[in-house]
Structure formats: structure tokens, C-alpha cells
Amino acid sequence: MNSGPAGYSFNAGTYRTLVLALANMQTDGLGKIRRSIMPERLPRSSFRTPKRGSFWFNDKIDGWCLPFYGSDKSVVSRSQYFDYKLHNILPVQVETFLRIKSVIWAFLLTLWLAITARCMGPDAGYIATSACVLASALSLLNDTDKLPQGGVYTPAAVFKDTGIYGRLEKYGVRFEIVEELH
């Protein structure tokens, strides 16, 4: 994601959410809830993500990579559970990473805390978020015949067959595969 003319912006509410999520990770009971909604273990892929250190340089995206401990991986896992249970699509191994341009920042961030895809677009904090919300809303309104019926679904399960990617591109948010599985 690109910053705006004034640089990157960061919201105090976003920061507070991050801090509280990290502080309560071990005691929030989320693991128990996930096991109750996904009681079966999925088959494991014979392909494994490579083992890496705390940070490493990736030539394809020209930056240092760090593990990303956000909600993305759990959302992908729940989406794959849905795909496997309803469509018999085997899950893939997923690890999420954050790209940092400077090795100094990559190293400093590690003190606190295989396919490569890239999401490109405007400022992630506000402009791209607005584009994602708008594209999601329009997909829910205009693609009702392609949505699953009833229940609580992850974004991947809901938007899988909709025109959301075209709508996102229209608003300047684009996804591309940088490196295919090998």
C-alpha cells in the first residue's frame, strides 16, 4: 500500500485494538471458540511453507519480511474449512508476512513481537479501507444470487463467486500473485 502526500497515517483506535489483542491473546478463549465451530481437523497438505527466521529479505518484493500476527491467517483457515466441508477443496498452507523496506525497521520490529501475493492501492488505513467496504457492500447488494444462504461466513466464503475483485480494481485496490507455488 502507498502512503498519501503527508505520509502514513495511523489511528489511535487501531493501535489500541492491536495492543489489546496482543495482550489478551492467551486468555481470550478464542481457541476454544474456534475448535467448537471447526471441530474436525482438515487434511494437511504435503506441501509445507518454508521455515524462516524472524526476518529475511525477499528479492521478489524488494523488502524485508516479518511474520504478521494479525487476524488474516485465522480468517484464511476458517475460509478453507468452509471450502473443504462444502466443496471438498483441499486446504493449502498459509503464512502471513509483513514487508518492511528497511532492515533496521525489520530488526527493530522483531524485538517486539509458498506463494507471494501483493495488494496494491492507496493508503491502507483509510482510503483503501473505504474502497473495500464499498466494494463489499455493492457485492452484497448486486450479487445476491452468488452468495451462500444463511449462517455466518468468512469474507472468502461470502465473496468467492461475486464481482468484488473487479469492484476493488475500479477503486484502485489490486491483488496480484508475485510468486506461484513451486
C-alpha atoms as a PDB file:
ATOM      1  CA  MET A   1       0.000   0.000   0.000  1.00  0.00           C
ATOM      2  CA  ASN A   2       1.169   3.512  -0.681  1.00  0.00           C
ATOM      3  CA  SER A   3       1.167   6.404   1.724  1.00  0.00           C
ATOM      4  CA  GLY A   4      -0.582   9.675   0.991  1.00  0.00           C
ATOM      5  CA  PRO A   5       1.178  13.009   0.357  1.00  0.00           C
ATOM      6  CA  ALA A   6       1.513  13.615   4.113  1.00  0.00           C
ATOM      7  CA  GLY A   7       2.990  10.136   4.740  1.00  0.00           C
ATOM      8  CA  TYR A   8       1.388   7.230   6.540  1.00  0.00           C
ATOM      9  CA  SER A   9      -1.448   7.788   8.939  1.00  0.00           C
ATOM     10  CA  PHE A  10      -2.282   5.701  11.969  1.00  0.00           C
ATOM     11  CA  ASN A  11      -5.411   5.730  14.054  1.00  0.00           C
ATOM     12  CA  ALA A  12      -5.274   5.611  17.865  1.00  0.00           C
ATOM     13  CA  GLY A  13      -8.244   3.204  17.870  1.00  0.00           C
ATOM     14  CA  THR A  14      -6.411   0.839  15.513  1.00  0.00           C
ATOM     15  CA  TYR A  15      -3.332   0.979  17.734  1.00  0.00           C
ATOM     16  CA  ARG A  16      -5.401   0.306  20.866  1.00  0.00           C
ATOM     17  CA  THR A  17      -7.101  -2.683  19.209  1.00  0.00           C
ATOM     18  CA  LEU A  18      -3.711  -4.122  18.264  1.00  0.00           C
ATOM     19  CA  VAL A  19      -2.292  -3.675  21.766  1.00  0.00           C
ATOM     20  CA  LEU A  20      -5.359  -5.222  23.445  1.00  0.00           C
ATOM     21  CA  ALA A  21      -5.444  -8.145  21.013  1.00  0.00           C
ATOM     22  CA  LEU A  22      -1.795  -8.959  21.682  1.00  0.00           C
ATOM     23  CA  ALA A  23      -2.216  -8.545  25.446  1.00  0.00           C
ATOM     24  CA  ASN A  24      -5.244 -10.872  25.609  1.00  0.00           C
ATOM     25  CA  MET A  25      -4.156 -13.441  23.025  1.00  0.00           C
ATOM     26  CA  GLN A  26      -3.573 -16.217  25.581  1.00  0.00           C
ATOM     27  CA  THR A  27      -6.614 -15.589  27.791  1.00  0.00           C
ATOM     28  CA  ASP A  28      -9.451 -14.597  25.452  1.00  0.00           C
ATOM     29  CA  GLY A  29     -10.765 -18.145  24.873  1.00  0.00           C
ATOM     30  CA  LEU A  30     -10.661 -17.705  21.103  1.00  0.00           C
ATOM     31  CA  GLY A  31      -9.011 -21.094  20.560  1.00  0.00           C
ATOM     32  CA  LYS A  32     -11.877 -22.861  22.341  1.00  0.00           C
ATOM     33  CA  ILE A  33     -14.449 -20.971  20.256  1.00  0.00           C
ATOM     34  CA  ARG A  34     -12.643 -21.850  17.013  1.00  0.00           C
ATOM     35  CA  ARG A  35     -12.490 -25.536  17.975  1.00  0.00           C
ATOM     36  CA  SER A  36     -16.245 -25.510  18.637  1.00  0.00           C
ATOM     37  CA  ILE A  37     -17.108 -24.064  15.199  1.00  0.00           C
ATOM     38  CA  MET A  38     -14.466 -26.137  13.370  1.00  0.00           C
ATOM     39  CA  PRO A  39     -14.474 -29.471  15.242  1.00  0.00           C
ATOM     40  CA  GLU A  40     -12.861 -31.589  12.501  1.00  0.00           C
ATOM     41  CA  ARG A  41      -9.195 -31.407  11.614  1.00  0.00           C
ATOM     42  CA  LEU A  42      -8.571 -30.722   7.947  1.00  0.00           C
ATOM     43  CA  PRO A  43      -6.198 -32.913   5.931  1.00  0.00           C
ATOM     44  CA  ARG A  44      -2.678 -31.487   5.875  1.00  0.00           C
ATOM     45  CA  SER A  45      -1.080 -30.600   2.584  1.00  0.00           C
ATOM     46  CA  SER A  46       2.057 -32.446   1.532  1.00  0.00           C
ATOM     47  CA  PHE A  47       3.470 -29.025   0.608  1.00  0.00           C
ATOM     48  CA  ARG A  48       4.858 -27.052   3.539  1.00  0.00           C
ATOM     49  CA  THR A  49       5.718 -23.402   3.850  1.00  0.00           C
ATOM     50  CA  PRO A  50       9.479 -22.923   4.184  1.00  0.00           C
ATOM     51  CA  LYS A  51      10.917 -22.440   7.667  1.00  0.00           C
ATOM     52  CA  ARG A  52      12.319 -18.948   8.030  1.00  0.00           C
ATOM     53  CA  GLY A  53      13.895 -16.874  10.753  1.00  0.00           C
ATOM     54  CA  SER A  54      12.426 -13.821  12.437  1.00  0.00           C
ATOM     55  CA  PHE A  55      13.082 -11.706   9.351  1.00  0.00           C
ATOM     56  CA  TRP A  56      14.556 -12.241   5.892  1.00  0.00           C
ATOM     57  CA  PHE A  57      14.998 -10.423   2.592  1.00  0.00           C
ATOM     58  CA  ASN A  58      12.722 -11.301  -0.341  1.00  0.00           C
ATOM     59  CA  ASP A  59      14.049 -10.252  -3.768  1.00  0.00           C
ATOM     60  CA  LYS A  60      10.669 -10.587  -5.478  1.00  0.00           C
ATOM     61  CA  ILE A  61       9.067  -7.885  -3.335  1.00  0.00           C
ATOM     62  CA  ASP A  62      12.309  -5.971  -2.668  1.00  0.00           C
ATOM     63  CA  GLY A  63      11.984  -5.822   1.097  1.00  0.00           C
ATOM     64  CA  TRP A  64      12.475  -7.467   4.456  1.00  0.00           C
ATOM     65  CA  CYS A  65       9.727  -9.801   5.632  1.00  0.00           C
ATOM     66  CA  LEU A  66       8.450 -10.363   9.169  1.00  0.00           C
ATOM     67  CA  PRO A  67       5.751 -12.726  10.410  1.00  0.00           C
ATOM     68  CA  PHE A  68       2.381 -10.941  10.571  1.00  0.00           C
ATOM     69  CA  TYR A  69       0.359 -11.918  13.636  1.00  0.00           C
ATOM     70  CA  GLY A  70      -2.908 -10.277  12.609  1.00  0.00           C
ATOM     71  CA  SER A  71      -6.244 -11.969  12.045  1.00  0.00           C
ATOM     72  CA  ASP A  72      -5.567 -12.789   8.387  1.00  0.00           C
ATOM     73  CA  LYS A  73      -4.281 -16.335   8.963  1.00  0.00           C
ATOM     74  CA  SER A  74      -7.265 -17.345  11.105  1.00  0.00           C
ATOM     75  CA  VAL A  75      -9.698 -15.887   8.548  1.00  0.00           C
ATOM     76  CA  VAL A  76      -7.971 -17.883   5.790  1.00  0.00           C
ATOM     77  CA  SER A  77      -8.131 -21.040   7.946  1.00  0.00           C
ATOM     78  CA  ARG A  78     -11.864 -20.621   8.552  1.00  0.00           C
ATOM     79  CA  SER A  79     -12.413 -19.916   4.840  1.00  0.00           C
ATOM     80  CA  GLN A  80     -10.529 -23.067   3.902  1.00  0.00           C
ATOM     81  CA  TYR A  81     -12.521 -25.063   6.447  1.00  0.00           C
ATOM     82  CA  PHE A  82     -15.704 -23.826   4.735  1.00  0.00           C
ATOM     83  CA  ASP A  83     -14.353 -24.686   1.264  1.00  0.00           C
ATOM     84  CA  TYR A  84     -13.304 -28.160   2.375  1.00  0.00           C
ATOM     85  CA  LYS A  85     -16.552 -29.001   4.187  1.00  0.00           C
ATOM     86  CA  LEU A  86     -18.896 -27.660   1.482  1.00  0.00           C
ATOM     87  CA  HIS A  87     -16.905 -28.023  -1.747  1.00  0.00           C
ATOM     88  CA  ASN A  88     -14.257 -30.656  -0.842  1.00  0.00           C
ATOM     89  CA  ILE A  89     -11.456 -28.243  -1.820  1.00  0.00           C
ATOM     90  CA  LEU A  90      -8.246 -29.252  -0.055  1.00  0.00           C
ATOM     91  CA  PRO A  91      -6.638 -26.560   2.121  1.00  0.00           C
ATOM     92  CA  VAL A  92      -3.229 -25.019   1.427  1.00  0.00           C
ATOM     93  CA  GLN A  93      -0.557 -23.966   3.907  1.00  0.00           C
ATOM     94  CA  VAL A  94      -0.633 -20.238   4.638  1.00  0.00           C
ATOM     95  CA  GLU A  95       1.769 -17.975   6.485  1.00  0.00           C
ATOM     96  CA  THR A  96       1.258 -14.219   6.582  1.00  0.00           C
ATOM     97  CA  PHE A  97       4.112 -11.732   6.461  1.00  0.00           C
ATOM     98  CA  LEU A  98       4.651  -8.010   6.589  1.00  0.00           C
ATOM     99  CA  ARG A  99       7.075  -6.316   4.149  1.00  0.00           C
ATOM    100  CA  ILE A 100       9.391  -3.669   5.559  1.00  0.00           C
ATOM    101  CA  LYS A 101      11.690  -1.732   3.216  1.00  0.00           C
ATOM    102  CA  SER A 102      14.498  -1.185   5.743  1.00  0.00           C
ATOM    103  CA  VAL A 103      16.478  -3.939   7.506  1.00  0.00           C
ATOM    104  CA  ILE A 104      16.772  -1.649  10.543  1.00  0.00           C
ATOM    105  CA  TRP A 105      12.976  -1.412  10.914  1.00  0.00           C
ATOM    106  CA  ALA A 106      12.611  -5.141  10.250  1.00  0.00           C
ATOM    107  CA  PHE A 107      15.094  -5.913  13.017  1.00  0.00           C
ATOM    108  CA  LEU A 108      13.539  -3.425  15.457  1.00  0.00           C
ATOM    109  CA  LEU A 109      10.047  -4.853  14.873  1.00  0.00           C
ATOM    110  CA  THR A 110      11.256  -8.383  15.689  1.00  0.00           C
ATOM    111  CA  LEU A 111      12.246  -7.149  19.121  1.00  0.00           C
ATOM    112  CA  TRP A 112       8.540  -6.584  19.877  1.00  0.00           C
ATOM    113  CA  LEU A 113       6.889  -9.205  18.656  1.00  0.00           C
ATOM    114  CA  ALA A 114       4.772 -20.784  -0.691  1.00  0.00           C
ATOM    115  CA  ILE A 115       3.089 -18.141  -2.525  1.00  0.00           C
ATOM    116  CA  THR A 116       3.724 -14.454  -2.535  1.00  0.00           C
ATOM    117  CA  ALA A 117       0.810 -12.115  -3.174  1.00  0.00           C
ATOM    118  CA  ARG A 118       0.814  -8.350  -3.282  1.00  0.00           C
ATOM    119  CA  CYS A 119      -2.039  -5.954  -2.571  1.00  0.00           C
ATOM    120  CA  MET A 120      -1.552  -2.546  -4.142  1.00  0.00           C
ATOM    121  CA  GLY A 121      -3.622   0.542  -3.679  1.00  0.00           C
ATOM    122  CA  PRO A 122      -3.999   3.811  -1.813  1.00  0.00           C
ATOM    123  CA  ASP A 123      -3.404   4.482   1.890  1.00  0.00           C
ATOM    124  CA  ALA A 124      -4.342   1.269   3.710  1.00  0.00           C
ATOM    125  CA  GLY A 125      -5.669   2.952   6.828  1.00  0.00           C
ATOM    126  CA  TYR A 126      -8.459   4.981   5.310  1.00  0.00           C
ATOM    127  CA  ILE A 127      -8.789   5.237   1.519  1.00  0.00           C
ATOM    128  CA  ALA A 128      -8.272   1.540   0.715  1.00  0.00           C
ATOM    129  CA  THR A 129     -10.440   0.540   3.683  1.00  0.00           C
ATOM    130  CA  SER A 130     -13.270   2.712   2.343  1.00  0.00           C
ATOM    131  CA  ALA A 131     -12.846   1.144  -1.103  1.00  0.00           C
ATOM    132  CA  CYS A 132     -13.026  -2.357   0.427  1.00  0.00           C
ATOM    133  CA  VAL A 133     -16.173  -1.536   2.398  1.00  0.00           C
ATOM    134  CA  LEU A 134     -17.845  -0.003  -0.665  1.00  0.00           C
ATOM    135  CA  ALA A 135     -16.883  -2.914  -2.954  1.00  0.00           C
ATOM    136  CA  SER A 136     -18.153  -5.370  -0.311  1.00  0.00           C
ATOM    137  CA  ALA A 137     -21.461  -3.538   0.084  1.00  0.00           C
ATOM    138  CA  LEU A 138     -22.028  -3.362  -3.673  1.00  0.00           C
ATOM    139  CA  SER A 139     -21.211  -7.065  -3.999  1.00  0.00           C
ATOM    140  CA  LEU A 140     -23.717  -7.917  -1.259  1.00  0.00           C
ATOM    141  CA  LEU A 141     -26.386  -5.805  -2.975  1.00  0.00           C
ATOM    142  CA  ASN A 142     -25.728  -6.709  -6.607  1.00  0.00           C
ATOM    143  CA  ASP A 143     -24.574 -10.340  -6.407  1.00  0.00           C
ATOM    144  CA  THR A 144     -27.248 -11.832  -4.128  1.00  0.00           C
ATOM    145  CA  ASP A 145     -27.662 -14.854  -6.418  1.00  0.00           C
ATOM    146  CA  LYS A 146     -23.975 -15.745  -5.876  1.00  0.00           C
ATOM    147  CA  LEU A 147     -23.970 -15.531  -2.065  1.00  0.00           C
ATOM    148  CA  PRO A 148     -24.220 -18.540   0.287  1.00  0.00           C
ATOM    149  CA  GLN A 149     -27.528 -18.946   2.106  1.00  0.00           C
ATOM    150  CA  GLY A 150     -27.801 -18.288   5.871  1.00  0.00           C
ATOM    151  CA  GLY A 151     -25.166 -18.685   8.559  1.00  0.00           C
ATOM    152  CA  VAL A 152     -22.017 -16.819   9.497  1.00  0.00           C
ATOM    153  CA  TYR A 153     -19.289 -16.874   6.861  1.00  0.00           C
ATOM    154  CA  THR A 154     -15.772 -15.555   6.407  1.00  0.00           C
ATOM    155  CA  PRO A 155     -15.206 -12.927   3.694  1.00  0.00           C
ATOM    156  CA  ALA A 156     -13.669 -15.512   1.323  1.00  0.00           C
ATOM    157  CA  ALA A 157     -16.701 -17.784   1.634  1.00  0.00           C
ATOM    158  CA  VAL A 158     -19.166 -14.934   1.042  1.00  0.00           C
ATOM    159  CA  PHE A 159     -17.409 -13.123  -1.798  1.00  0.00           C
ATOM    160  CA  LYS A 160     -15.884 -16.136  -3.578  1.00  0.00           C
ATOM    161  CA  ASP A 161     -18.218 -16.075  -6.593  1.00  0.00           C
ATOM    162  CA  THR A 162     -19.031 -12.348  -6.659  1.00  0.00           C
ATOM    163  CA  GLY A 163     -17.584  -9.490  -8.700  1.00  0.00           C
ATOM    164  CA  ILE A 164     -15.743  -7.983  -5.724  1.00  0.00           C
ATOM    165  CA  TYR A 165     -12.277  -8.096  -7.330  1.00  0.00           C
ATOM    166  CA  GLY A 166     -13.471  -6.063 -10.321  1.00  0.00           C
ATOM    167  CA  ARG A 167     -15.092  -3.543  -7.994  1.00  0.00           C
ATOM    168  CA  LEU A 168     -11.929  -3.296  -5.887  1.00  0.00           C
ATOM    169  CA  GLU A 169      -9.835  -2.658  -9.006  1.00  0.00           C
ATOM    170  CA  LYS A 170     -12.261   0.081 -10.036  1.00  0.00           C
ATOM    171  CA  TYR A 171     -11.481   1.801  -6.700  1.00  0.00           C
ATOM    172  CA  GLY A 172      -7.708   1.357  -7.047  1.00  0.00           C
ATOM    173  CA  VAL A 173      -7.169  -1.756  -4.894  1.00  0.00           C
ATOM    174  CA  ARG A 174      -5.498  -4.549  -6.850  1.00  0.00           C
ATOM    175  CA  PHE A 175      -4.229  -8.006  -5.919  1.00  0.00           C
ATOM    176  CA  GLU A 176      -1.554  -9.898  -7.816  1.00  0.00           C
ATOM    177  CA  ILE A 177       0.378 -13.124  -7.381  1.00  0.00           C
ATOM    178  CA  VAL A 178       4.104 -12.313  -7.287  1.00  0.00           C
ATOM    179  CA  GLU A 179       5.404 -15.855  -6.935  1.00  0.00           C
ATOM    180  CA  GLU A 180       3.439 -19.028  -7.702  1.00  0.00           C
ATOM    181  CA  LEU A 181       3.818 -22.223  -5.690  1.00  0.00           C
ATOM    182  CA  HIS A 182       6.948 -24.129  -6.712  1.00  0.00           C
END
